[in-house]
């Protein structure tokens, strides 16, 4: 099964996910009843009237990208509908940002009016915002740019450019990653790209100072949690803290990790020896790993309490089965109760609040 470049980058880039038409619950409960979700005590960092939780998603039966308010998980509402095939990210609880072939924009959630942030062709869809929404980072053919306070500064060297390549096996789909991200405290910015012949791994301070790159072997699959930068290499999962790299999960090859908006936890996919996907969570302090479900892939935090993921498509040979399809079953997992629910969400592209 062949995947084109756009698909390969979309599943590897973490740009990305989910909810239903207005008035429709996010998930169709399999067991127990919906009241079990509403009656449980809220977790730290949970959504409430003063802290709205949002998700950029698609729903079963449509490829429209929706801005959904998932503050009440049982009664999500549609805030806005975005153009199809639009790479977008939340800037705050009231604004988002997106890029087309020539321009990076910033808009209210309604999509209008839109403000031009930069006239630039964004490479590999790589752009990000600081948590205060004052500075954007974006990658073009000539390197990384930081734009804010009326200044546009260029950092680093250009990424190599290559055309006409794609991912045609599960092996590359599980390793390719393209991610630009600020640390949650805005102190650092990272760029890690492993996508065919296009590779790069850089760390800067928010002031633009290039830092020594962590010593990893074929680094990929990166994520920030607090001031700690996690990435996978041939030895397992490593963590970079204040200039020092150490082992975090030796021997683990995680896939598309996502950090909790409440902090202190990362969810990820990993494959067993047979090639079957499993979804796990890991406590970033204790390193305690918990398996959430087997035969599940592509997990992401919908909120700090609920994790969304896909059912794994059945393939005669796992190596020939690249990624999910929008017809695959999807689920929401309650971290407090350990209960899994069926979901009508088919993709989750971004959520707010971002990782802490």
C-alpha atoms as a PDB file:
ATOM      1  CA  UNK A   1       0.000   0.000   0.000  1.00  0.00           C
ATOM      2  CA  UNK A   2       1.540   3.302  -1.059  1.00  0.00           C
ATOM      3  CA  UNK A   3       1.300   6.581   0.768  1.00  0.00           C
ATOM      4  CA  UNK A   4       2.033   9.867  -0.867  1.00  0.00           C
ATOM      5  CA  UNK A   5       4.206  12.556   0.667  1.00  0.00           C
ATOM      6  CA  UNK A   6       1.311  14.588   2.070  1.00  0.00           C
ATOM      7  CA  UNK A   7      -0.076  11.567   3.939  1.00  0.00           C
ATOM      8  CA  UNK A   8       3.332  10.534   5.227  1.00  0.00           C
ATOM      9  CA  UNK A   9       4.024  14.006   6.604  1.00  0.00           C
ATOM     10  CA  UNK A  10       0.567  14.403   8.093  1.00  0.00           C
ATOM     11  CA  UNK A  11       0.813  11.223  10.143  1.00  0.00           C
ATOM     12  CA  UNK A  12       4.396  11.922  11.146  1.00  0.00           C
ATOM     13  CA  UNK A  13       4.223  15.627  11.830  1.00  0.00           C
ATOM     14  CA  UNK A  14       1.967  15.711  14.793  1.00  0.00           C
ATOM     15  CA  UNK A  15       0.139  18.602  13.118  1.00  0.00           C
ATOM     16  CA  UNK A  16      -2.954  16.854  13.924  1.00  0.00           C
ATOM     17  CA  UNK A  17      -7.300  15.381  15.019  1.00  0.00           C
ATOM     18  CA  UNK A  18     -11.502  15.569  16.250  1.00  0.00           C
ATOM     19  CA  UNK A  19     -15.782  15.708  17.284  1.00  0.00           C
ATOM     20  CA  UNK A  20     -19.502  15.412  16.025  1.00  0.00           C
ATOM     21  CA  UNK A  21     -22.230  17.604  14.667  1.00  0.00           C
ATOM     22  CA  UNK A  22     -23.614  20.197  17.055  1.00  0.00           C
ATOM     23  CA  UNK A  23     -25.546  18.570  19.848  1.00  0.00           C
ATOM     24  CA  UNK A  24     -24.110  15.103  19.220  1.00  0.00           C
ATOM     25  CA  UNK A  25     -21.974  13.501  21.953  1.00  0.00           C
ATOM     26  CA  UNK A  26     -18.289  13.037  21.155  1.00  0.00           C
ATOM     27  CA  UNK A  27     -18.469   9.287  21.686  1.00  0.00           C
ATOM     28  CA  UNK A  28     -21.071   6.573  21.419  1.00  0.00           C
ATOM     29  CA  UNK A  29     -20.768   4.872  24.794  1.00  0.00           C
ATOM     30  CA  UNK A  30     -20.253   1.137  24.719  1.00  0.00           C
ATOM     31  CA  UNK A  31     -20.055   0.615  28.475  1.00  0.00           C
ATOM     32  CA  UNK A  32     -20.965   2.044  30.946  1.00  0.00           C
ATOM     33  CA  UNK A  33     -23.599   4.765  30.402  1.00  0.00           C
ATOM     34  CA  UNK A  34     -22.677   8.411  29.608  1.00  0.00           C
ATOM     35  CA  UNK A  35     -23.435   9.421  33.191  1.00  0.00           C
ATOM     36  CA  UNK A  36     -20.266   7.644  34.297  1.00  0.00           C
ATOM     37  CA  UNK A  37     -18.195  10.317  32.549  1.00  0.00           C
ATOM     38  CA  UNK A  38     -20.069  13.259  34.003  1.00  0.00           C
ATOM     39  CA  UNK A  39     -20.199  11.939  37.570  1.00  0.00           C
ATOM     40  CA  UNK A  40     -16.473  11.337  38.058  1.00  0.00           C
ATOM     41  CA  UNK A  41     -14.419  13.997  39.851  1.00  0.00           C
ATOM     42  CA  UNK A  42     -12.478  16.268  37.488  1.00  0.00           C
ATOM     43  CA  UNK A  43      -8.731  15.688  37.184  1.00  0.00           C
ATOM     44  CA  UNK A  44      -6.157  18.456  37.703  1.00  0.00           C
ATOM     45  CA  UNK A  45      -6.097  20.682  34.643  1.00  0.00           C
ATOM     46  CA  UNK A  46      -9.585  19.563  33.617  1.00  0.00           C
ATOM     47  CA  UNK A  47     -11.868  21.745  31.493  1.00  0.00           C
ATOM     48  CA  UNK A  48     -14.342  24.091  33.142  1.00  0.00           C
ATOM     49  CA  UNK A  49     -16.344  27.226  32.428  1.00  0.00           C
ATOM     50  CA  UNK A  50     -13.287  29.415  32.977  1.00  0.00           C
ATOM     51  CA  UNK A  51     -10.887  27.241  30.992  1.00  0.00           C
ATOM     52  CA  UNK A  52     -12.431  26.202  27.699  1.00  0.00           C
ATOM     53  CA  UNK A  53     -11.067  23.053  26.021  1.00  0.00           C
ATOM     54  CA  UNK A  54     -11.034  23.006  22.219  1.00  0.00           C
ATOM     55  CA  UNK A  55     -10.156  20.533  19.480  1.00  0.00           C
ATOM     56  CA  UNK A  56      -9.532  20.757  15.734  1.00  0.00           C
ATOM     57  CA  UNK A  57     -11.162  17.612  14.382  1.00  0.00           C
ATOM     58  CA  UNK A  58     -12.925  15.783  11.609  1.00  0.00           C
ATOM     59  CA  UNK A  59     -15.990  13.599  12.180  1.00  0.00           C
ATOM     60  CA  UNK A  60     -17.124  10.371  10.646  1.00  0.00           C
ATOM     61  CA  UNK A  61     -18.860  10.965   7.331  1.00  0.00           C
ATOM     62  CA  UNK A  62     -17.196  14.309   6.565  1.00  0.00           C
ATOM     63  CA  UNK A  63     -13.748  15.691   5.761  1.00  0.00           C
ATOM     64  CA  UNK A  64     -14.540  19.199   7.036  1.00  0.00           C
ATOM     65  CA  UNK A  65     -12.212  20.355   9.815  1.00  0.00           C
ATOM     66  CA  UNK A  66     -14.187  21.660  12.772  1.00  0.00           C
ATOM     67  CA  UNK A  67     -13.284  23.762  15.776  1.00  0.00           C
ATOM     68  CA  UNK A  68     -15.083  21.939  18.589  1.00  0.00           C
ATOM     69  CA  UNK A  69     -15.630  23.011  22.177  1.00  0.00           C
ATOM     70  CA  UNK A  70     -15.134  19.824  24.218  1.00  0.00           C
ATOM     71  CA  UNK A  71     -15.281  21.455  27.647  1.00  0.00           C
ATOM     72  CA  UNK A  72     -18.334  19.273  28.344  1.00  0.00           C
ATOM     73  CA  UNK A  73     -17.275  15.960  26.819  1.00  0.00           C
ATOM     74  CA  UNK A  74     -20.917  14.786  26.653  1.00  0.00           C
ATOM     75  CA  UNK A  75     -22.165  17.903  24.878  1.00  0.00           C
ATOM     76  CA  UNK A  76     -19.507  19.198  22.456  1.00  0.00           C
ATOM     77  CA  UNK A  77     -20.416  22.113  20.229  1.00  0.00           C
ATOM     78  CA  UNK A  78     -19.096  23.328  16.889  1.00  0.00           C
ATOM     79  CA  UNK A  79     -17.432  26.732  17.083  1.00  0.00           C
ATOM     80  CA  UNK A  80     -16.352  27.017  13.427  1.00  0.00           C
ATOM     81  CA  UNK A  81     -15.811  25.077  10.196  1.00  0.00           C
ATOM     82  CA  UNK A  82     -12.479  25.455   8.399  1.00  0.00           C
ATOM     83  CA  UNK A  83     -11.581  24.970   4.736  1.00  0.00           C
ATOM     84  CA  UNK A  84     -10.604  21.416   3.842  1.00  0.00           C
ATOM     85  CA  UNK A  85      -6.950  20.374   3.791  1.00  0.00           C
ATOM     86  CA  UNK A  86      -5.951  23.376   5.899  1.00  0.00           C
ATOM     87  CA  UNK A  87      -3.077  22.930   8.343  1.00  0.00           C
ATOM     88  CA  UNK A  88      -4.121  24.885  11.427  1.00  0.00           C
ATOM     89  CA  UNK A  89      -3.057  25.262  15.067  1.00  0.00           C
ATOM     90  CA  UNK A  90      -4.525  26.993  18.099  1.00  0.00           C
ATOM     91  CA  UNK A  91      -2.763  30.164  19.216  1.00  0.00           C
ATOM     92  CA  UNK A  92      -5.020  30.593  22.258  1.00  0.00           C
ATOM     93  CA  UNK A  93      -8.535  29.773  23.429  1.00  0.00           C
ATOM     94  CA  UNK A  94      -9.834  32.495  21.083  1.00  0.00           C
ATOM     95  CA  UNK A  95      -7.443  32.449  18.103  1.00  0.00           C
ATOM     96  CA  UNK A  96      -5.871  30.047  15.642  1.00  0.00           C
ATOM     97  CA  UNK A  97      -3.253  30.167  12.902  1.00  0.00           C
ATOM     98  CA  UNK A  98      -2.958  28.487   9.532  1.00  0.00           C
ATOM     99  CA  UNK A  99      -0.745  28.504   6.461  1.00  0.00           C
ATOM    100  CA  UNK A 100      -1.410  28.221   2.749  1.00  0.00           C
ATOM    101  CA  UNK A 101       1.138  27.978  -0.075  1.00  0.00           C
ATOM    102  CA  UNK A 102       2.287  31.592   0.306  1.00  0.00           C
ATOM    103  CA  UNK A 103       1.240  33.008   3.679  1.00  0.00           C
ATOM    104  CA  UNK A 104       1.021  32.348   7.428  1.00  0.00           C
ATOM    105  CA  UNK A 105      -2.177  33.779   8.939  1.00  0.00           C
ATOM    106  CA  UNK A 106      -3.685  34.405  12.368  1.00  0.00           C
ATOM    107  CA  UNK A 107      -7.450  34.628  12.891  1.00  0.00           C
ATOM    108  CA  UNK A 108     -10.178  34.481  15.510  1.00  0.00           C
ATOM    109  CA  UNK A 109     -11.761  31.041  15.826  1.00  0.00           C
ATOM    110  CA  UNK A 110     -14.506  32.168  13.452  1.00  0.00           C
ATOM    111  CA  UNK A 111     -11.870  32.488  10.705  1.00  0.00           C
ATOM    112  CA  UNK A 112     -12.442  36.184  10.050  1.00  0.00           C
ATOM    113  CA  UNK A 113     -10.918  38.697   9.941  1.00  0.00           C
ATOM    114  CA  UNK A 114      -7.529  37.194   9.138  1.00  0.00           C
ATOM    115  CA  UNK A 115      -4.186  38.855   9.790  1.00  0.00           C
ATOM    116  CA  UNK A 116      -1.050  38.165   7.760  1.00  0.00           C
ATOM    117  CA  UNK A 117       1.748  37.008  10.075  1.00  0.00           C
ATOM    118  CA  UNK A 118       4.331  36.354   7.350  1.00  0.00           C
ATOM    119  CA  UNK A 119       4.438  36.168   3.565  1.00  0.00           C
ATOM    120  CA  UNK A 120       6.261  32.867   3.237  1.00  0.00           C
ATOM    121  CA  UNK A 121       5.912  29.348   1.876  1.00  0.00           C
ATOM    122  CA  UNK A 122       6.028  27.132   4.985  1.00  0.00           C
ATOM    123  CA  UNK A 123       8.255  24.061   4.514  1.00  0.00           C
ATOM    124  CA  UNK A 124       6.785  20.694   5.596  1.00  0.00           C
ATOM    125  CA  UNK A 125       3.937  22.546   7.322  1.00  0.00           C
ATOM    126  CA  UNK A 126       6.278  23.488  10.180  1.00  0.00           C
ATOM    127  CA  UNK A 127       5.100  26.427  12.276  1.00  0.00           C
ATOM    128  CA  UNK A 128       4.366  26.949  15.977  1.00  0.00           C
ATOM    129  CA  UNK A 129       3.448  29.652  18.505  1.00  0.00           C
ATOM    130  CA  UNK A 130       4.643  30.512  21.985  1.00  0.00           C
ATOM    131  CA  UNK A 131       2.129  29.848  24.756  1.00  0.00           C
ATOM    132  CA  UNK A 132       1.493  33.584  25.175  1.00  0.00           C
ATOM    133  CA  UNK A 133       0.766  33.933  21.452  1.00  0.00           C
ATOM    134  CA  UNK A 134       3.315  36.722  20.996  1.00  0.00           C
ATOM    135  CA  UNK A 135       5.899  34.930  18.835  1.00  0.00           C
ATOM    136  CA  UNK A 136       5.588  32.525  15.919  1.00  0.00           C
ATOM    137  CA  UNK A 137       8.240  30.181  14.599  1.00  0.00           C
ATOM    138  CA  UNK A 138       8.081  28.957  11.018  1.00  0.00           C
ATOM    139  CA  UNK A 139      10.344  27.078   8.624  1.00  0.00           C
ATOM    140  CA  UNK A 140      10.948  28.096   5.009  1.00  0.00           C
ATOM    141  CA  UNK A 141      13.464  27.061   2.385  1.00  0.00           C
ATOM    142  CA  UNK A 142      16.066  29.396   3.899  1.00  0.00           C
ATOM    143  CA  UNK A 143      15.729  28.188   7.512  1.00  0.00           C
ATOM    144  CA  UNK A 144      13.863  28.796  10.766  1.00  0.00           C
ATOM    145  CA  UNK A 145      12.283  32.200  11.371  1.00  0.00           C
ATOM    146  CA  UNK A 146      11.056  33.739  14.635  1.00  0.00           C
ATOM    147  CA  UNK A 147       8.596  36.584  14.201  1.00  0.00           C
ATOM    148  CA  UNK A 148       7.269  38.820  16.970  1.00  0.00           C
ATOM    149  CA  UNK A 149       7.347  42.367  18.300  1.00  0.00           C
ATOM    150  CA  UNK A 150       7.630  43.629  14.738  1.00  0.00           C
ATOM    151  CA  UNK A 151      10.805  41.664  13.969  1.00  0.00           C
ATOM    152  CA  UNK A 152      11.418  38.609  11.757  1.00  0.00           C
ATOM    153  CA  UNK A 153      14.703  36.881  12.629  1.00  0.00           C
ATOM    154  CA  UNK A 154      16.203  33.996  10.668  1.00  0.00           C
ATOM    155  CA  UNK A 155      17.944  31.230  12.600  1.00  0.00           C
ATOM    156  CA  UNK A 156      19.797  28.160  11.427  1.00  0.00           C
ATOM    157  CA  UNK A 157      20.527  26.751   7.997  1.00  0.00           C
ATOM    158  CA  UNK A 158      18.114  25.738   5.233  1.00  0.00           C
ATOM    159  CA  UNK A 159      16.708  22.231   5.256  1.00  0.00           C
ATOM    160  CA  UNK A 160      17.735  20.095   2.296  1.00  0.00           C
ATOM    161  CA  UNK A 161      15.012  19.951  -0.337  1.00  0.00           C
ATOM    162  CA  UNK A 162      14.026  16.749  -2.099  1.00  0.00           C
ATOM    163  CA  UNK A 163      11.073  16.040  -4.359  1.00  0.00           C
ATOM    164  CA  UNK A 164       9.274  12.907  -5.410  1.00  0.00           C
ATOM    165  CA  UNK A 165       9.734  10.747  -2.332  1.00  0.00           C
ATOM    166  CA  UNK A 166       7.159   9.095  -0.093  1.00  0.00           C
ATOM    167  CA  UNK A 167       6.634   6.414   2.513  1.00  0.00           C
ATOM    168  CA  UNK A 168       5.751   2.935   1.293  1.00  0.00           C
ATOM    169  CA  UNK A 169       6.206   0.805   4.421  1.00  0.00           C
ATOM    170  CA  UNK A 170       5.142   0.750   8.064  1.00  0.00           C
ATOM    171  CA  UNK A 171       8.804   1.024   9.041  1.00  0.00           C
ATOM    172  CA  UNK A 172       9.199   4.544   7.681  1.00  0.00           C
ATOM    173  CA  UNK A 173       5.681   5.555   8.751  1.00  0.00           C
ATOM    174  CA  UNK A 174       6.644   4.682  12.340  1.00  0.00           C
ATOM    175  CA  UNK A 175       9.897   6.660  12.219  1.00  0.00           C
ATOM    176  CA  UNK A 176       9.346   9.746  10.055  1.00  0.00           C
ATOM    177  CA  UNK A 177       8.636  12.836  12.125  1.00  0.00           C
ATOM    178  CA  UNK A 178       8.439  16.548  11.321  1.00  0.00           C
ATOM    179  CA  UNK A 179       7.916  18.803  14.310  1.00  0.00           C
ATOM    180  CA  UNK A 180       8.649  22.399  15.273  1.00  0.00           C
ATOM    181  CA  UNK A 181       7.719  23.251  18.871  1.00  0.00           C
ATOM    182  CA  UNK A 182       8.275  25.723  21.672  1.00  0.00           C
ATOM    183  CA  UNK A 183       8.723  24.347  25.173  1.00  0.00           C
ATOM    184  CA  UNK A 184       5.605  25.007  27.311  1.00  0.00           C
ATOM    185  CA  UNK A 185       7.425  27.752  29.245  1.00  0.00           C
ATOM    186  CA  UNK A 186       8.579  29.328  25.930  1.00  0.00           C
ATOM    187  CA  UNK A 187      12.209  29.049  26.997  1.00  0.00           C
ATOM    188  CA  UNK A 188      13.298  26.845  24.071  1.00  0.00           C
ATOM    189  CA  UNK A 189      12.340  25.947  20.531  1.00  0.00           C
ATOM    190  CA  UNK A 190      13.063  22.619  18.862  1.00  0.00           C
ATOM    191  CA  UNK A 191      13.060  21.449  15.264  1.00  0.00           C
ATOM    192  CA  UNK A 192      13.344  17.750  14.555  1.00  0.00           C
ATOM    193  CA  UNK A 193      12.803  16.453  11.030  1.00  0.00           C
ATOM    194  CA  UNK A 194      13.292  12.891   9.825  1.00  0.00           C
ATOM    195  CA  UNK A 195      11.394  12.495   6.578  1.00  0.00           C
ATOM    196  CA  UNK A 196      13.116  10.563   3.830  1.00  0.00           C
ATOM    197  CA  UNK A 197      16.207  12.497   2.709  1.00  0.00           C
ATOM    198  CA  UNK A 198      15.107  15.622   4.611  1.00  0.00           C
ATOM    199  CA  UNK A 199      16.654  15.573   8.089  1.00  0.00           C
ATOM    200  CA  UNK A 200      17.447  18.125  10.755  1.00  0.00           C
ATOM    201  CA  UNK A 201      17.712  18.350  14.547  1.00  0.00           C
ATOM    202  CA  UNK A 202      18.232  21.697  16.268  1.00  0.00           C
ATOM    203  CA  UNK A 203      17.575  23.310  19.651  1.00  0.00           C
ATOM    204  CA  UNK A 204      17.581  27.046  20.342  1.00  0.00           C
ATOM    205  CA  UNK A 205      16.808  29.275  23.272  1.00  0.00           C
ATOM    206  CA  UNK A 206      13.850  31.568  22.736  1.00  0.00           C
ATOM    207  CA  UNK A 207      16.394  34.378  22.297  1.00  0.00           C
ATOM    208  CA  UNK A 208      17.757  32.562  19.239  1.00  0.00           C
ATOM    209  CA  UNK A 209      20.933  31.030  20.664  1.00  0.00           C
ATOM    210  CA  UNK A 210      21.751  27.673  19.074  1.00  0.00           C
ATOM    211  CA  UNK A 211      22.345  24.974  21.701  1.00  0.00           C
ATOM    212  CA  UNK A 212      24.401  21.813  21.494  1.00  0.00           C
ATOM    213  CA  UNK A 213      22.254  19.127  19.897  1.00  0.00           C
ATOM    214  CA  UNK A 214      21.549  16.129  22.154  1.00  0.00           C
ATOM    215  CA  UNK A 215      23.729  13.175  21.199  1.00  0.00           C
ATOM    216  CA  UNK A 216      21.161  10.842  19.650  1.00  0.00           C
ATOM    217  CA  UNK A 217      21.473   8.137  17.017  1.00  0.00           C
ATOM    218  CA  UNK A 218      18.867   8.765  14.293  1.00  0.00           C
ATOM    219  CA  UNK A 219      16.680  10.951  16.569  1.00  0.00           C
ATOM    220  CA  UNK A 220      12.971  11.197  15.825  1.00  0.00           C
ATOM    221  CA  UNK A 221       9.518  11.387  17.486  1.00  0.00           C
ATOM    222  CA  UNK A 222      10.031  14.392  19.745  1.00  0.00           C
ATOM    223  CA  UNK A 223       7.814  16.003  22.397  1.00  0.00           C
ATOM    224  CA  UNK A 224       8.144  18.652  25.123  1.00  0.00           C
ATOM    225  CA  UNK A 225       6.763  18.160  28.633  1.00  0.00           C
ATOM    226  CA  UNK A 226       7.609  21.077  30.905  1.00  0.00           C
ATOM    227  CA  UNK A 227      11.224  22.124  30.230  1.00  0.00           C
ATOM    228  CA  UNK A 228      12.157  18.568  29.274  1.00  0.00           C
ATOM    229  CA  UNK A 229      12.630  17.540  25.644  1.00  0.00           C
ATOM    230  CA  UNK A 230      11.985  13.866  24.847  1.00  0.00           C
ATOM    231  CA  UNK A 231      12.943  12.057  21.647  1.00  0.00           C
ATOM    232  CA  UNK A 232      13.438   8.531  20.365  1.00  0.00           C
ATOM    233  CA  UNK A 233      16.622   7.117  18.852  1.00  0.00           C
ATOM    234  CA  UNK A 234      18.099   3.683  18.203  1.00  0.00           C
ATOM    235  CA  UNK A 235      18.766   3.200  21.944  1.00  0.00           C
ATOM    236  CA  UNK A 236      15.238   4.008  23.096  1.00  0.00           C
ATOM    237  CA  UNK A 237      13.672   7.194  24.443  1.00  0.00           C
ATOM    238  CA  UNK A 238      16.024   9.924  25.694  1.00  0.00           C
ATOM    239  CA  UNK A 239      15.332  13.109  27.650  1.00  0.00           C
ATOM    240  CA  UNK A 240      17.209  16.418  27.418  1.00  0.00           C
ATOM    241  CA  UNK A 241      17.118  18.543  30.573  1.00  0.00           C
ATOM    242  CA  UNK A 242      19.004  21.830  30.833  1.00  0.00           C
ATOM    243  CA  UNK A 243      21.783  20.734  28.509  1.00  0.00           C
ATOM    244  CA  UNK A 244      22.126  17.157  29.752  1.00  0.00           C
ATOM    245  CA  UNK A 245      20.802  14.070  27.915  1.00  0.00           C
ATOM    246  CA  UNK A 246      19.904  10.866  29.774  1.00  0.00           C
ATOM    247  CA  UNK A 247      18.017   7.627  29.171  1.00  0.00           C
ATOM    248  CA  UNK A 248      14.295   7.785  29.849  1.00  0.00           C
ATOM    249  CA  UNK A 249      12.793   4.563  28.437  1.00  0.00           C
ATOM    250  CA  UNK A 250      15.694   2.374  27.272  1.00  0.00           C
ATOM    251  CA  UNK A 251      14.808   0.043  24.415  1.00  0.00           C
ATOM    252  CA  UNK A 252      11.414   1.668  23.761  1.00  0.00           C
ATOM    253  CA  UNK A 253      10.690   2.875  20.219  1.00  0.00           C
ATOM    254  CA  UNK A 254       7.717   5.131  20.728  1.00  0.00           C
ATOM    255  CA  UNK A 255       5.590   6.537  17.914  1.00  0.00           C
ATOM    256  CA  UNK A 256       4.078  10.041  17.806  1.00  0.00           C
ATOM    257  CA  UNK A 257       4.165  10.866  21.543  1.00  0.00           C
ATOM    258  CA  UNK A 258       1.862  13.572  22.917  1.00  0.00           C
ATOM    259  CA  UNK A 259       2.220  15.390  26.261  1.00  0.00           C
ATOM    260  CA  UNK A 260      -0.660  16.119  28.627  1.00  0.00           C
ATOM    261  CA  UNK A 261      -2.090  19.643  28.970  1.00  0.00           C
ATOM    262  CA  UNK A 262      -1.964  19.008  32.732  1.00  0.00           C
ATOM    263  CA  UNK A 263       1.739  18.134  32.571  1.00  0.00           C
ATOM    264  CA  UNK A 264       3.517  15.081  33.947  1.00  0.00           C
ATOM    265  CA  UNK A 265       2.292  12.499  31.429  1.00  0.00           C
ATOM    266  CA  UNK A 266       2.968  11.433  27.839  1.00  0.00           C
ATOM    267  CA  UNK A 267       0.895   9.028  25.732  1.00  0.00           C
ATOM    268  CA  UNK A 268       2.384   7.134  22.821  1.00  0.00           C
ATOM    269  CA  UNK A 269       2.083   4.142  20.512  1.00  0.00           C
ATOM    270  CA  UNK A 270       4.587   1.285  20.394  1.00  0.00           C
ATOM    271  CA  UNK A 271       4.604  -1.992  18.466  1.00  0.00           C
ATOM    272  CA  UNK A 272       5.253  -5.466  19.838  1.00  0.00           C
ATOM    273  CA  UNK A 273       7.372  -8.084  18.091  1.00  0.00           C
ATOM    274  CA  UNK A 274       4.457  -9.173  15.933  1.00  0.00           C
ATOM    275  CA  UNK A 275       3.967  -5.595  14.709  1.00  0.00           C
ATOM    276  CA  UNK A 276       0.747  -4.981  16.660  1.00  0.00           C
ATOM    277  CA  UNK A 277       0.198  -1.489  18.014  1.00  0.00           C
ATOM    278  CA  UNK A 278      -0.344  -0.736  21.711  1.00  0.00           C
ATOM    279  CA  UNK A 279      -1.181   2.574  23.394  1.00  0.00           C
ATOM    280  CA  UNK A 280       0.701   3.481  26.570  1.00  0.00           C
ATOM    281  CA  UNK A 281       1.013   6.340  29.036  1.00  0.00           C
ATOM    282  CA  UNK A 282       4.166   7.162  30.987  1.00  0.00           C
ATOM    283  CA  UNK A 283       4.598   9.312  34.085  1.00  0.00           C
ATOM    284  CA  UNK A 284       7.453  11.719  33.344  1.00  0.00           C
ATOM    285  CA  UNK A 285       8.564  11.808  37.000  1.00  0.00           C
ATOM    286  CA  UNK A 286       8.379   8.148  38.022  1.00  0.00           C
ATOM    287  CA  UNK A 287       8.822   6.677  34.502  1.00  0.00           C
ATOM    288  CA  UNK A 288       5.955   4.300  35.320  1.00  0.00           C
ATOM    289  CA  UNK A 289       4.458   2.930  32.098  1.00  0.00           C
ATOM    290  CA  UNK A 290       0.800   1.901  31.829  1.00  0.00           C
ATOM    291  CA  UNK A 291      -0.726   0.093  28.876  1.00  0.00           C
ATOM    292  CA  UNK A 292      -4.076   1.618  27.992  1.00  0.00           C
ATOM    293  CA  UNK A 293      -5.156  -0.710  25.161  1.00  0.00           C
ATOM    294  CA  UNK A 294      -3.804  -3.170  22.601  1.00  0.00           C
ATOM    295  CA  UNK A 295      -4.696  -3.040  18.893  1.00  0.00           C
ATOM    296  CA  UNK A 296      -4.814   0.766  19.183  1.00  0.00           C
ATOM    297  CA  UNK A 297      -2.660   3.437  17.499  1.00  0.00           C
ATOM    298  CA  UNK A 298      -2.182   7.226  17.106  1.00  0.00           C
ATOM    299  CA  UNK A 299      -3.106   8.379  20.650  1.00  0.00           C
ATOM    300  CA  UNK A 300      -3.488  12.045  21.529  1.00  0.00           C
ATOM    301  CA  UNK A 301      -4.889  13.956  24.498  1.00  0.00           C
ATOM    302  CA  UNK A 302      -8.342  15.284  23.698  1.00  0.00           C
ATOM    303  CA  UNK A 303      -8.283  16.867  27.176  1.00  0.00           C
ATOM    304  CA  UNK A 304      -6.081  16.149  30.193  1.00  0.00           C
ATOM    305  CA  UNK A 305      -8.507  13.386  31.208  1.00  0.00           C
ATOM    306  CA  UNK A 306      -9.517  11.852  27.872  1.00  0.00           C
ATOM    307  CA  UNK A 307      -7.234  10.219  25.295  1.00  0.00           C
ATOM    308  CA  UNK A 308      -8.408   9.710  21.726  1.00  0.00           C
ATOM    309  CA  UNK A 309      -6.955   6.968  19.505  1.00  0.00           C
ATOM    310  CA  UNK A 310      -7.679   4.715  16.533  1.00  0.00           C
ATOM    311  CA  UNK A 311      -8.335   1.036  16.272  1.00  0.00           C
ATOM    312  CA  UNK A 312      -5.562  -0.661  14.349  1.00  0.00           C
ATOM    313  CA  UNK A 313      -6.499  -1.724  10.806  1.00  0.00           C
ATOM    314  CA  UNK A 314      -6.123  -5.432  10.152  1.00  0.00           C
ATOM    315  CA  UNK A 315      -3.462  -6.276   7.589  1.00  0.00           C
ATOM    316  CA  UNK A 316      -2.224  -9.563   6.213  1.00  0.00           C
ATOM    317  CA  UNK A 317       1.334  -8.312   6.752  1.00  0.00           C
ATOM    318  CA  UNK A 318       1.885  -5.429   9.239  1.00  0.00           C
ATOM    319  CA  UNK A 319       4.901  -4.193   7.261  1.00  0.00           C
ATOM    320  CA  UNK A 320       2.633  -3.561   4.264  1.00  0.00           C
ATOM    321  CA  UNK A 321      -0.060  -1.723   6.249  1.00  0.00           C
ATOM    322  CA  UNK A 322       0.639   2.001   6.423  1.00  0.00           C
ATOM    323  CA  UNK A 323      -1.312   3.979   8.952  1.00  0.00           C
ATOM    324  CA  UNK A 324      -5.051   4.259   9.549  1.00  0.00           C
ATOM    325  CA  UNK A 325      -7.948   5.103   7.320  1.00  0.00           C
ATOM    326  CA  UNK A 326     -10.939   7.264   8.176  1.00  0.00           C
ATOM    327  CA  UNK A 327     -13.104   4.125   8.138  1.00  0.00           C
ATOM    328  CA  UNK A 328     -11.181   2.597  11.061  1.00  0.00           C
ATOM    329  CA  UNK A 329     -12.907   2.533  14.437  1.00  0.00           C
ATOM    330  CA  UNK A 330     -11.910   5.292  16.842  1.00  0.00           C
ATOM    331  CA  UNK A 331     -12.185   5.540  20.610  1.00  0.00           C
ATOM    332  CA  UNK A 332     -11.932   7.817  23.643  1.00  0.00           C
ATOM    333  CA  UNK A 333     -10.265   6.461  26.785  1.00  0.00           C
ATOM    334  CA  UNK A 334     -11.020   7.849  30.244  1.00  0.00           C
ATOM    335  CA  UNK A 335      -7.759   7.979  32.215  1.00  0.00           C
ATOM    336  CA  UNK A 336      -9.650   8.228  35.499  1.00  0.00           C
ATOM    337  CA  UNK A 337     -11.976   5.253  35.102  1.00  0.00           C
ATOM    338  CA  UNK A 338     -10.043   3.143  32.587  1.00  0.00           C
ATOM    339  CA  UNK A 339     -13.161   2.852  30.400  1.00  0.00           C
ATOM    340  CA  UNK A 340     -12.999   3.010  26.596  1.00  0.00           C
ATOM    341  CA  UNK A 341     -15.805   4.567  24.533  1.00  0.00           C
ATOM    342  CA  UNK A 342     -16.524   4.477  20.820  1.00  0.00           C
ATOM    343  CA  UNK A 343     -15.966   7.824  19.087  1.00  0.00           C
ATOM    344  CA  UNK A 344     -17.195   9.548  15.928  1.00  0.00           C
ATOM    345  CA  UNK A 345     -13.976  11.588  15.737  1.00  0.00           C
ATOM    346  CA  UNK A 346     -11.837  10.493  12.793  1.00  0.00           C
ATOM    347  CA  UNK A 347      -8.856  12.866  13.154  1.00  0.00           C
ATOM    348  CA  UNK A 348      -7.487  15.166  15.855  1.00  0.00           C
ATOM    349  CA  UNK A 349      -5.220  17.898  14.486  1.00  0.00           C
ATOM    350  CA  UNK A 350      -4.677  20.070  17.535  1.00  0.00           C
ATOM    351  CA  UNK A 351      -6.166  20.724  20.978  1.00  0.00           C
ATOM    352  CA  UNK A 352      -6.273  23.604  23.418  1.00  0.00           C
ATOM    353  CA  UNK A 353      -4.814  23.998  25.963  1.00  0.00           C
ATOM    354  CA  UNK A 354      -1.497  22.776  24.588  1.00  0.00           C
ATOM    355  CA  UNK A 355       0.878  20.541  26.543  1.00  0.00           C
ATOM    356  CA  UNK A 356       2.137  21.836  29.871  1.00  0.00           C
END
